[in-house]
Amino acid sequence: MPHVVVKHRPGKSERQKTELAEAITRDVVNHLDAAEEEVSVAFEEITPGDWAERVYRPEIRDKWDQVYRKPGYEMEWPVLRHQDGGNATPRPQRADPRYTINALRE
């Protein structure tokens, strides 16, 4: 039962979201061998000011190995410190250039 959530900045029209949901559904059906009625697609607006804490940090940086289409950007955020002085939130490593989309196409 594939469920896809698209998180994006505010301002996308209903038409844009509907057309993208239809395209995602077609691709999920074709690539994951799912029935169309099994697929659901949701949209969640995230303001740019909330992106690092609500999306980048928990869903991209902290799940880097699960992200198949990695972004071409990094984000800074305050580094929290444990009481013993160690970092609680180390910066993520840069993507290995051997595994970028362009490198895989070569």
PDB file of N, CA and C in Angstrom:
ATOM      1  N   MET A   1       0.837  -1.176   0.000  1.00  0.00           N
ATOM      2  CA  MET A   1       0.000   0.000   0.000  1.00  0.00           C
ATOM      3  C   MET A   1       0.886   1.245   0.000  1.00  0.00           C
ATOM      4  N   PRO A   2       1.447   1.613  -1.114  1.00  0.00           N
ATOM      5  CA  PRO A   2       2.341   2.774  -1.153  1.00  0.00           C
ATOM      6  C   PRO A   2       1.618   4.081  -0.810  1.00  0.00           C
ATOM      7  N   HIS A   3       2.259   4.853   0.045  1.00  0.00           N
ATOM      8  CA  HIS A   3       1.764   6.183   0.409  1.00  0.00           C
ATOM      9  C   HIS A   3       2.925   7.151   0.237  1.00  0.00           C
ATOM     10  N   VAL A   4       2.751   8.160  -0.579  1.00  0.00           N
ATOM     11  CA  VAL A   4       3.798   9.133  -0.872  1.00  0.00           C
ATOM     12  C   VAL A   4       3.379  10.481  -0.299  1.00  0.00           C
ATOM     13  N   VAL A   5       4.287  11.107   0.442  1.00  0.00           N
ATOM     14  CA  VAL A   5       4.028  12.436   0.990  1.00  0.00           C
ATOM     15  C   VAL A   5       5.002  13.406   0.331  1.00  0.00           C
ATOM     16  N   VAL A   6       4.469  14.436  -0.302  1.00  0.00           N
ATOM     17  CA  VAL A   6       5.282  15.472  -0.930  1.00  0.00           C
ATOM     18  C   VAL A   6       5.265  16.678  -0.005  1.00  0.00           C
ATOM     19  N   LYS A   7       6.436  17.030   0.506  1.00  0.00           N
ATOM     20  CA  LYS A   7       6.552  18.205   1.373  1.00  0.00           C
ATOM     21  C   LYS A   7       7.143  19.317   0.529  1.00  0.00           C
ATOM     22  N   HIS A   8       6.526  20.477   0.587  1.00  0.00           N
ATOM     23  CA  HIS A   8       6.909  21.560  -0.316  1.00  0.00           C
ATOM     24  C   HIS A   8       6.625  22.904   0.338  1.00  0.00           C
ATOM     25  N   ARG A   9       7.219  23.949  -0.253  1.00  0.00           N
ATOM     26  CA  ARG A   9       6.953  25.294   0.266  1.00  0.00           C
ATOM     27  C   ARG A   9       5.539  25.718  -0.130  1.00  0.00           C
ATOM     28  N   PRO A  10       4.913  26.590   0.639  1.00  0.00           N
ATOM     29  CA  PRO A  10       3.548  27.033   0.347  1.00  0.00           C
ATOM     30  C   PRO A  10       3.437  27.719  -1.015  1.00  0.00           C
ATOM     31  N   GLY A  11       2.233  27.685  -1.556  1.00  0.00           N
ATOM     32  CA  GLY A  11       1.957  28.426  -2.780  1.00  0.00           C
ATOM     33  C   GLY A  11       1.684  27.587  -4.007  1.00  0.00           C
ATOM     34  N   LYS A  12       1.682  26.270  -3.880  1.00  0.00           N
ATOM     35  CA  LYS A  12       1.388  25.424  -5.039  1.00  0.00           C
ATOM     36  C   LYS A  12      -0.128  25.376  -5.235  1.00  0.00           C
ATOM     37  N   SER A  13      -0.555  25.404  -6.478  1.00  0.00           N
ATOM     38  CA  SER A  13      -1.989  25.418  -6.776  1.00  0.00           C
ATOM     39  C   SER A  13      -2.581  24.012  -6.652  1.00  0.00           C
ATOM     40  N   GLU A  14      -3.900  23.969  -6.547  1.00  0.00           N
ATOM     41  CA  GLU A  14      -4.594  22.679  -6.514  1.00  0.00           C
ATOM     42  C   GLU A  14      -4.328  21.906  -7.804  1.00  0.00           C
ATOM     43  N   ARG A  15      -4.283  22.610  -8.918  1.00  0.00           N
ATOM     44  CA  ARG A  15      -4.005  21.955 -10.197  1.00  0.00           C
ATOM     45  C   ARG A  15      -2.608  21.328 -10.189  1.00  0.00           C
ATOM     46  N   GLN A  16      -1.605  22.065  -9.710  1.00  0.00           N
ATOM     47  CA  GLN A  16      -0.245  21.521  -9.644  1.00  0.00           C
ATOM     48  C   GLN A  16      -0.211  20.264  -8.777  1.00  0.00           C
ATOM     49  N   LYS A  17      -0.860  20.316  -7.633  1.00  0.00           N
ATOM     50  CA  LYS A  17      -0.848  19.164  -6.726  1.00  0.00           C
ATOM     51  C   LYS A  17      -1.604  17.980  -7.320  1.00  0.00           C
ATOM     52  N   THR A  18      -2.738  18.242  -7.949  1.00  0.00           N
ATOM     53  CA  THR A  18      -3.516  17.164  -8.558  1.00  0.00           C
ATOM     54  C   THR A  18      -2.743  16.498  -9.689  1.00  0.00           C
ATOM     55  N   GLU A  19      -2.133  17.303 -10.555  1.00  0.00           N
ATOM     56  CA  GLU A  19      -1.372  16.741 -11.672  1.00  0.00           C
ATOM     57  C   GLU A  19      -0.159  15.960 -11.183  1.00  0.00           C
ATOM     58  N   LEU A  20       0.522  16.470 -10.171  1.00  0.00           N
ATOM     59  CA  LEU A  20       1.667  15.743  -9.627  1.00  0.00           C
ATOM     60  C   LEU A  20       1.212  14.449  -8.960  1.00  0.00           C
ATOM     61  N   ALA A  21       0.110  14.485  -8.230  1.00  0.00           N
ATOM     62  CA  ALA A  21      -0.410  13.273  -7.588  1.00  0.00           C
ATOM     63  C   ALA A  21      -0.745  12.211  -8.631  1.00  0.00           C
ATOM     64  N   GLU A  22      -1.323  12.620  -9.752  1.00  0.00           N
ATOM     65  CA  GLU A  22      -1.634  11.669 -10.822  1.00  0.00           C
ATOM     66  C   GLU A  22      -0.360  11.084 -11.425  1.00  0.00           C
ATOM     67  N   ALA A  23       0.653  11.929 -11.638  1.00  0.00           N
ATOM     68  CA  ALA A  23       1.922  11.456 -12.205  1.00  0.00           C
ATOM     69  C   ALA A  23       2.631  10.505 -11.238  1.00  0.00           C
ATOM     70  N   ILE A  24       2.645  10.850  -9.963  1.00  0.00           N
ATOM     71  CA  ILE A  24       3.269   9.980  -8.965  1.00  0.00           C
ATOM     72  C   ILE A  24       2.542   8.644  -8.915  1.00  0.00           C
ATOM     73  N   THR A  25       1.219   8.683  -8.935  1.00  0.00           N
ATOM     74  CA  THR A  25       0.437   7.448  -8.902  1.00  0.00           C
ATOM     75  C   THR A  25       0.784   6.558 -10.086  1.00  0.00           C
ATOM     76  N   ARG A  26       0.852   7.134 -11.288  1.00  0.00           N
ATOM     77  CA  ARG A  26       1.219   6.338 -12.478  1.00  0.00           C
ATOM     78  C   ARG A  26       2.588   5.694 -12.301  1.00  0.00           C
ATOM     79  N   ASP A  27       3.547   6.465 -11.813  1.00  0.00           N
ATOM     80  CA  ASP A  27       4.900   5.926 -11.647  1.00  0.00           C
ATOM     81  C   ASP A  27       4.957   4.851 -10.563  1.00  0.00           C
ATOM     82  N   VAL A  28       4.253   5.045  -9.472  1.00  0.00           N
ATOM     83  CA  VAL A  28       4.235   4.028  -8.418  1.00  0.00           C
ATOM     84  C   VAL A  28       3.610   2.742  -8.947  1.00  0.00           C
ATOM     85  N   VAL A  29       2.519   2.850  -9.677  1.00  0.00           N
ATOM     86  CA  VAL A  29       1.879   1.676 -10.266  1.00  0.00           C
ATOM     87  C   VAL A  29       2.848   0.965 -11.207  1.00  0.00           C
ATOM     88  N   ASN A  30       3.532   1.721 -12.063  1.00  0.00           N
ATOM     89  CA  ASN A  30       4.449   1.128 -13.043  1.00  0.00           C
ATOM     90  C   ASN A  30       5.709   0.547 -12.423  1.00  0.00           C
ATOM     91  N   HIS A  31       6.283   1.223 -11.446  1.00  0.00           N
ATOM     92  CA  HIS A  31       7.584   0.811 -10.922  1.00  0.00           C
ATOM     93  C   HIS A  31       7.514  -0.089  -9.695  1.00  0.00           C
ATOM     94  N   LEU A  32       6.440  -0.022  -8.933  1.00  0.00           N
ATOM     95  CA  LEU A  32       6.332  -0.843  -7.726  1.00  0.00           C
ATOM     96  C   LEU A  32       5.291  -1.946  -7.862  1.00  0.00           C
ATOM     97  N   ASP A  33       4.753  -2.101  -9.063  1.00  0.00           N
ATOM     98  CA  ASP A  33       3.779  -3.159  -9.329  1.00  0.00           C
ATOM     99  C   ASP A  33       2.613  -3.104  -8.339  1.00  0.00           C
ATOM    100  N   ALA A  34       2.105  -1.910  -8.112  1.00  0.00           N
ATOM    101  CA  ALA A  34       0.980  -1.706  -7.201  1.00  0.00           C
ATOM    102  C   ALA A  34      -0.278  -1.432  -8.019  1.00  0.00           C
ATOM    103  N   ALA A  35      -1.415  -1.748  -7.445  1.00  0.00           N
ATOM    104  CA  ALA A  35      -2.684  -1.397  -8.075  1.00  0.00           C
ATOM    105  C   ALA A  35      -2.955   0.085  -7.813  1.00  0.00           C
ATOM    106  N   GLU A  36      -3.565   0.755  -8.784  1.00  0.00           N
ATOM    107  CA  GLU A  36      -3.821   2.191  -8.649  1.00  0.00           C
ATOM    108  C   GLU A  36      -4.608   2.522  -7.386  1.00  0.00           C
ATOM    109  N   GLU A  37      -5.573   1.677  -7.033  1.00  0.00           N
ATOM    110  CA  GLU A  37      -6.390   1.961  -5.847  1.00  0.00           C
ATOM    111  C   GLU A  37      -5.628   1.756  -4.535  1.00  0.00           C
ATOM    112  N   GLU A  38      -4.433   1.185  -4.595  1.00  0.00           N
ATOM    113  CA  GLU A  38      -3.607   1.024  -3.394  1.00  0.00           C
ATOM    114  C   GLU A  38      -2.765   2.264  -3.091  1.00  0.00           C
ATOM    115  N   VAL A  39      -2.595   3.125  -4.071  1.00  0.00           N
ATOM    116  CA  VAL A  39      -1.675   4.259  -3.953  1.00  0.00           C
ATOM    117  C   VAL A  39      -2.390   5.481  -3.377  1.00  0.00           C
ATOM    118  N   SER A  40      -1.733   6.129  -2.415  1.00  0.00           N
ATOM    119  CA  SER A  40      -2.239   7.405  -1.908  1.00  0.00           C
ATOM    120  C   SER A  40      -1.103   8.417  -1.944  1.00  0.00           C
ATOM    121  N   VAL A  41      -1.467   9.671  -2.198  1.00  0.00           N
ATOM    122  CA  VAL A  41      -0.488  10.751  -2.294  1.00  0.00           C
ATOM    123  C   VAL A  41      -1.009  11.927  -1.474  1.00  0.00           C
ATOM    124  N   ALA A  42      -0.158  12.442  -0.600  1.00  0.00           N
ATOM    125  CA  ALA A  42      -0.525  13.584   0.239  1.00  0.00           C
ATOM    126  C   ALA A  42       0.467  14.720   0.014  1.00  0.00           C
ATOM    127  N   PHE A  43       0.040  15.928   0.311  1.00  0.00           N
ATOM    128  CA  PHE A  43       0.891  17.109   0.194  1.00  0.00           C
ATOM    129  C   PHE A  43       0.903  17.830   1.533  1.00  0.00           C
ATOM    130  N   GLU A  44       2.075  18.298   1.920  1.00  0.00           N
ATOM    131  CA  GLU A  44       2.216  19.026   3.178  1.00  0.00           C
ATOM    132  C   GLU A  44       3.053  20.275   2.927  1.00  0.00           C
ATOM    133  N   GLU A  45       2.455  21.427   3.176  1.00  0.00           N
ATOM    134  CA  GLU A  45       3.174  22.694   3.004  1.00  0.00           C
ATOM    135  C   GLU A  45       4.062  22.948   4.214  1.00  0.00           C
ATOM    136  N   ILE A  46       5.321  23.289   3.941  1.00  0.00           N
ATOM    137  CA  ILE A  46       6.292  23.603   4.988  1.00  0.00           C
ATOM    138  C   ILE A  46       6.922  24.946   4.638  1.00  0.00           C
ATOM    139  N   THR A  47       6.891  25.886   5.548  1.00  0.00           N
ATOM    140  CA  THR A  47       7.510  27.185   5.273  1.00  0.00           C
ATOM    141  C   THR A  47       9.027  27.033   5.232  1.00  0.00           C
ATOM    142  N   PRO A  48       9.710  27.862   4.433  1.00  0.00           N
ATOM    143  CA  PRO A  48      11.171  27.775   4.366  1.00  0.00           C
ATOM    144  C   PRO A  48      11.839  27.884   5.741  1.00  0.00           C
ATOM    145  N   GLY A  49      11.274  28.677   6.634  1.00  0.00           N
ATOM    146  CA  GLY A  49      11.846  28.820   7.967  1.00  0.00           C
ATOM    147  C   GLY A  49      11.751  27.566   8.822  1.00  0.00           C
ATOM    148  N   ASP A  50      10.816  26.689   8.491  1.00  0.00           N
ATOM    149  CA  ASP A  50      10.636  25.440   9.237  1.00  0.00           C
ATOM    150  C   ASP A  50      11.292  24.240   8.560  1.00  0.00           C
ATOM    151  N   TRP A  51      11.791  24.418   7.336  1.00  0.00           N
ATOM    152  CA  TRP A  51      12.281  23.290   6.537  1.00  0.00           C
ATOM    153  C   TRP A  51      13.399  22.510   7.233  1.00  0.00           C
ATOM    154  N   ALA A  52      14.376  23.203   7.775  1.00  0.00           N
ATOM    155  CA  ALA A  52      15.519  22.508   8.386  1.00  0.00           C
ATOM    156  C   ALA A  52      15.078  21.606   9.532  1.00  0.00           C
ATOM    157  N   GLU A  53      14.254  22.124  10.418  1.00  0.00           N
ATOM    158  CA  GLU A  53      13.850  21.351  11.594  1.00  0.00           C
ATOM    159  C   GLU A  53      12.771  20.318  11.300  1.00  0.00           C
ATOM    160  N   ARG A  54      11.842  20.615  10.397  1.00  0.00           N
ATOM    161  CA  ARG A  54      10.715  19.704  10.161  1.00  0.00           C
ATOM    162  C   ARG A  54      10.957  18.692   9.055  1.00  0.00           C
ATOM    163  N   VAL A  55      11.873  19.012   8.124  1.00  0.00           N
ATOM    164  CA  VAL A  55      12.093  18.109   6.993  1.00  0.00           C
ATOM    165  C   VAL A  55      13.559  17.706   6.867  1.00  0.00           C
ATOM    166  N   TYR A  56      14.449  18.679   6.655  1.00  0.00           N
ATOM    167  CA  TYR A  56      15.838  18.338   6.345  1.00  0.00           C
ATOM    168  C   TYR A  56      16.481  17.483   7.437  1.00  0.00           C
ATOM    169  N   ARG A  57      16.392  17.952   8.650  1.00  0.00           N
ATOM    170  CA  ARG A  57      17.069  17.241   9.737  1.00  0.00           C
ATOM    171  C   ARG A  57      16.464  15.862  10.001  1.00  0.00           C
ATOM    172  N   PRO A  58      15.144  15.728  10.250  1.00  0.00           N
ATOM    173  CA  PRO A  58      14.613  14.408  10.604  1.00  0.00           C
ATOM    174  C   PRO A  58      14.421  13.450   9.430  1.00  0.00           C
ATOM    175  N   GLU A  59      14.163  13.975   8.235  1.00  0.00           N
ATOM    176  CA  GLU A  59      13.800  13.080   7.140  1.00  0.00           C
ATOM    177  C   GLU A  59      14.861  12.937   6.061  1.00  0.00           C
ATOM    178  N   ILE A  60      15.794  13.864   6.006  1.00  0.00           N
ATOM    179  CA  ILE A  60      16.859  13.779   5.002  1.00  0.00           C
ATOM    180  C   ILE A  60      18.169  13.437   5.701  1.00  0.00           C
ATOM    181  N   ARG A  61      18.643  14.318   6.543  1.00  0.00           N
ATOM    182  CA  ARG A  61      19.929  14.091   7.199  1.00  0.00           C
ATOM    183  C   ARG A  61      19.926  12.832   8.056  1.00  0.00           C
ATOM    184  N   ASP A  62      18.910  12.658   8.883  1.00  0.00           N
ATOM    185  CA  ASP A  62      18.891  11.523   9.804  1.00  0.00           C
ATOM    186  C   ASP A  62      18.547  10.201   9.129  1.00  0.00           C
ATOM    187  N   LYS A  63      18.073  10.246   7.895  1.00  0.00           N
ATOM    188  CA  LYS A  63      17.738   9.015   7.157  1.00  0.00           C
ATOM    189  C   LYS A  63      18.473   8.981   5.821  1.00  0.00           C
ATOM    190  N   TRP A  64      19.693   9.516   5.810  1.00  0.00           N
ATOM    191  CA  TRP A  64      20.467   9.695   4.580  1.00  0.00           C
ATOM    192  C   TRP A  64      20.535   8.421   3.743  1.00  0.00           C
ATOM    193  N   ASP A  65      20.713   7.268   4.376  1.00  0.00           N
ATOM    194  CA  ASP A  65      20.838   6.007   3.639  1.00  0.00           C
ATOM    195  C   ASP A  65      19.527   5.579   2.987  1.00  0.00           C
ATOM    196  N   GLN A  66      18.405   6.127   3.417  1.00  0.00           N
ATOM    197  CA  GLN A  66      17.106   5.778   2.840  1.00  0.00           C
ATOM    198  C   GLN A  66      16.673   6.741   1.740  1.00  0.00           C
ATOM    199  N   VAL A  67      17.379   7.846   1.591  1.00  0.00           N
ATOM    200  CA  VAL A  67      17.013   8.865   0.603  1.00  0.00           C
ATOM    201  C   VAL A  67      17.648   8.481  -0.730  1.00  0.00           C
ATOM    202  N   TYR A  68      16.834   8.101  -1.710  1.00  0.00           N
ATOM    203  CA  TYR A  68      17.345   7.668  -3.010  1.00  0.00           C
ATOM    204  C   TYR A  68      17.620   8.829  -3.942  1.00  0.00           C
ATOM    205  N   ARG A  69      16.911   9.906  -3.801  1.00  0.00           N
ATOM    206  CA  ARG A  69      17.179  11.127  -4.576  1.00  0.00           C
ATOM    207  C   ARG A  69      17.634  12.167  -3.574  1.00  0.00           C
ATOM    208  N   LYS A  70      18.940  12.287  -3.432  1.00  0.00           N
ATOM    209  CA  LYS A  70      19.511  13.185  -2.440  1.00  0.00           C
ATOM    210  C   LYS A  70      19.505  14.626  -2.957  1.00  0.00           C
ATOM    211  N   PRO A  71      19.267  15.595  -2.071  1.00  0.00           N
ATOM    212  CA  PRO A  71      19.253  16.994  -2.501  1.00  0.00           C
ATOM    213  C   PRO A  71      20.661  17.486  -2.808  1.00  0.00           C
ATOM    214  N   GLY A  72      20.729  18.539  -3.581  1.00  0.00           N
ATOM    215  CA  GLY A  72      22.009  19.142  -3.921  1.00  0.00           C
ATOM    216  C   GLY A  72      22.354  20.296  -3.003  1.00  0.00           C
ATOM    217  N   TYR A  73      21.861  20.275  -1.772  1.00  0.00           N
ATOM    218  CA  TYR A  73      22.131  21.346  -0.818  1.00  0.00           C
ATOM    219  C   TYR A  73      22.367  20.746   0.560  1.00  0.00           C
ATOM    220  N   GLU A  74      22.980  21.524   1.418  1.00  0.00           N
ATOM    221  CA  GLU A  74      23.114  21.198   2.836  1.00  0.00           C
ATOM    222  C   GLU A  74      22.512  22.352   3.613  1.00  0.00           C
ATOM    223  N   MET A  75      22.082  22.083   4.819  1.00  0.00           N
ATOM    224  CA  MET A  75      21.503  23.134   5.644  1.00  0.00           C
ATOM    225  C   MET A  75      22.251  23.233   6.953  1.00  0.00           C
ATOM    226  N   GLU A  76      22.394  24.445   7.424  1.00  0.00           N
ATOM    227  CA  GLU A  76      23.001  24.700   8.728  1.00  0.00           C
ATOM    228  C   GLU A  76      21.887  24.791   9.761  1.00  0.00           C
ATOM    229  N   TRP A  77      22.195  24.418  10.961  1.00  0.00           N
ATOM    230  CA  TRP A  77      21.283  24.594  12.078  1.00  0.00           C
ATOM    231  C   TRP A  77      22.142  24.700  13.327  1.00  0.00           C
ATOM    232  N   PRO A  78      21.594  25.207  14.391  1.00  0.00           N
ATOM    233  CA  PRO A  78      22.404  25.301  15.615  1.00  0.00           C
ATOM    234  C   PRO A  78      22.839  23.915  16.066  1.00  0.00           C
ATOM    235  N   VAL A  79      24.085  23.798  16.438  1.00  0.00           N
ATOM    236  CA  VAL A  79      24.590  22.526  16.951  1.00  0.00           C
ATOM    237  C   VAL A  79      24.301  22.482  18.445  1.00  0.00           C
ATOM    238  N   LEU A  80      23.527  21.489  18.834  1.00  0.00           N
ATOM    239  CA  LEU A  80      23.199  21.321  20.249  1.00  0.00           C
ATOM    240  C   LEU A  80      24.353  20.598  20.937  1.00  0.00           C
ATOM    241  N   ARG A  81      24.581  20.888  22.175  1.00  0.00           N
ATOM    242  CA  ARG A  81      25.677  20.257  22.918  1.00  0.00           C
ATOM    243  C   ARG A  81      25.113  19.439  24.081  1.00  0.00           C
ATOM    244  N   HIS A  82      25.674  18.237  24.258  1.00  0.00           N
ATOM    245  CA  HIS A  82      25.353  17.450  25.447  1.00  0.00           C
ATOM    246  C   HIS A  82      26.004  18.124  26.648  1.00  0.00           C
ATOM    247  N   GLN A  83      25.574  17.774  27.825  1.00  0.00           N
ATOM    248  CA  GLN A  83      26.179  18.349  29.030  1.00  0.00           C
ATOM    249  C   GLN A  83      27.662  18.020  29.119  1.00  0.00           C
ATOM    250  N   ASP A  84      28.074  16.867  28.552  1.00  0.00           N
ATOM    251  CA  ASP A  84      29.490  16.500  28.605  1.00  0.00           C
ATOM    252  C   ASP A  84      30.307  17.217  27.533  1.00  0.00           C
ATOM    253  N   GLY A  85      29.662  18.079  26.734  1.00  0.00           N
ATOM    254  CA  GLY A  85      30.371  18.859  25.726  1.00  0.00           C
ATOM    255  C   GLY A  85      30.369  18.254  24.339  1.00  0.00           C
ATOM    256  N   GLY A  86      29.880  17.030  24.189  1.00  0.00           N
ATOM    257  CA  GLY A  86      29.844  16.392  22.869  1.00  0.00           C
ATOM    258  C   GLY A  86      28.715  16.930  22.017  1.00  0.00           C
ATOM    259  N   ASN A  87      28.873  16.825  20.709  1.00  0.00           N
ATOM    260  CA  ASN A  87      27.835  17.284  19.787  1.00  0.00           C
ATOM    261  C   ASN A  87      26.646  16.342  19.804  1.00  0.00           C
ATOM    262  N   ALA A  88      25.460  16.898  19.881  1.00  0.00           N
ATOM    263  CA  ALA A  88      24.240  16.103  19.788  1.00  0.00           C
ATOM    264  C   ALA A  88      23.761  16.019  18.348  1.00  0.00           C
ATOM    265  N   THR A  89      24.134  16.991  17.533  1.00  0.00           N
ATOM    266  CA  THR A  89      23.662  17.015  16.146  1.00  0.00           C
ATOM    267  C   THR A  89      24.825  17.318  15.207  1.00  0.00           C
ATOM    268  N   PRO A  90      25.650  16.319  14.891  1.00  0.00           N
ATOM    269  CA  PRO A  90      26.764  16.574  13.982  1.00  0.00           C
ATOM    270  C   PRO A  90      26.268  16.885  12.580  1.00  0.00           C
ATOM    271  N   ARG A  91      27.059  17.644  11.824  1.00  0.00           N
ATOM    272  CA  ARG A  91      26.699  17.959  10.437  1.00  0.00           C
ATOM    273  C   ARG A  91      26.735  16.697   9.602  1.00  0.00           C
ATOM    274  N   PRO A  92      25.859  16.584   8.626  1.00  0.00           N
ATOM    275  CA  PRO A  92      25.877  15.414   7.749  1.00  0.00           C
ATOM    276  C   PRO A  92      27.084  15.455   6.822  1.00  0.00           C
ATOM    277  N   GLN A  93      27.452  14.298   6.341  1.00  0.00           N
ATOM    278  CA  GLN A  93      28.522  14.200   5.360  1.00  0.00           C
ATOM    279  C   GLN A  93      27.976  14.642   4.011  1.00  0.00           C
ATOM    280  N   ARG A  94      28.846  15.169   3.159  1.00  0.00           N
ATOM    281  CA  ARG A  94      28.418  15.506   1.801  1.00  0.00           C
ATOM    282  C   ARG A  94      28.123  14.216   1.049  1.00  0.00           C
ATOM    283  N   ALA A  95      27.236  14.291   0.082  1.00  0.00           N
ATOM    284  CA  ALA A  95      26.927  13.124  -0.742  1.00  0.00           C
ATOM    285  C   ALA A  95      28.174  12.691  -1.497  1.00  0.00           C
ATOM    286  N   ASP A  96      28.368  11.396  -1.606  1.00  0.00           N
ATOM    287  CA  ASP A  96      29.491  10.852  -2.363  1.00  0.00           C
ATOM    288  C   ASP A  96      29.253  11.169  -3.832  1.00  0.00           C
ATOM    289  N   PRO A  97      30.138  11.936  -4.489  1.00  0.00           N
ATOM    290  CA  PRO A  97      29.901  12.348  -5.873  1.00  0.00           C
ATOM    291  C   PRO A  97      29.791  11.179  -6.842  1.00  0.00           C
ATOM    292  N   ARG A  98      30.288  10.004  -6.461  1.00  0.00           N
ATOM    293  CA  ARG A  98      30.170   8.835  -7.343  1.00  0.00           C
ATOM    294  C   ARG A  98      28.725   8.376  -7.475  1.00  0.00           C
ATOM    295  N   TYR A  99      27.869   8.769  -6.526  1.00  0.00           N
ATOM    296  CA  TYR A  99      26.498   8.293  -6.521  1.00  0.00           C
ATOM    297  C   TYR A  99      25.474   9.384  -6.794  1.00  0.00           C
ATOM    298  N   THR A 100      25.893  10.477  -7.368  1.00  0.00           N
ATOM    299  CA  THR A 100      24.943  11.521  -7.728  1.00  0.00           C
ATOM    300  C   THR A 100      24.204  11.100  -8.990  1.00  0.00           C
ATOM    301  N   ILE A 101      23.094  11.745  -9.271  1.00  0.00           N
ATOM    302  CA  ILE A 101      22.302  11.411 -10.451  1.00  0.00           C
ATOM    303  C   ILE A 101      23.142  11.524 -11.717  1.00  0.00           C
ATOM    304  N   ASN A 102      23.916  12.604 -11.858  1.00  0.00           N
ATOM    305  CA  ASN A 102      24.714  12.782 -13.071  1.00  0.00           C
ATOM    306  C   ASN A 102      25.778  11.711 -13.210  1.00  0.00           C
ATOM    307  N   ALA A 103      26.403  11.299 -12.109  1.00  0.00           N
ATOM    308  CA  ALA A 103      27.434  10.266 -12.180  1.00  0.00           C
ATOM    309  C   ALA A 103      26.836   8.932 -12.588  1.00  0.00           C
ATOM    310  N   LEU A 104      25.630   8.641 -12.117  1.00  0.00           N
ATOM    311  CA  LEU A 104      24.999   7.369 -12.457  1.00  0.00           C
ATOM    312  C   LEU A 104      24.555   7.323 -13.912  1.00  0.00           C
ATOM    313  N   ARG A 105      24.312   8.466 -14.514  1.00  0.00           N
ATOM    314  CA  ARG A 105      23.898   8.515 -15.919  1.00  0.00           C
ATOM    315  C   ARG A 105      25.063   8.305 -16.867  1.00  0.00           C
ATOM    316  N   GLU A 106      26.280   8.521 -16.395  1.00  0.00           N
ATOM    317  CA  GLU A 106      27.463   8.423 -17.262  1.00  0.00           C
ATOM    318  C   GLU A 106      27.789   6.988 -17.598  1.00  0.00           C
TER     319      GLU A 106
END
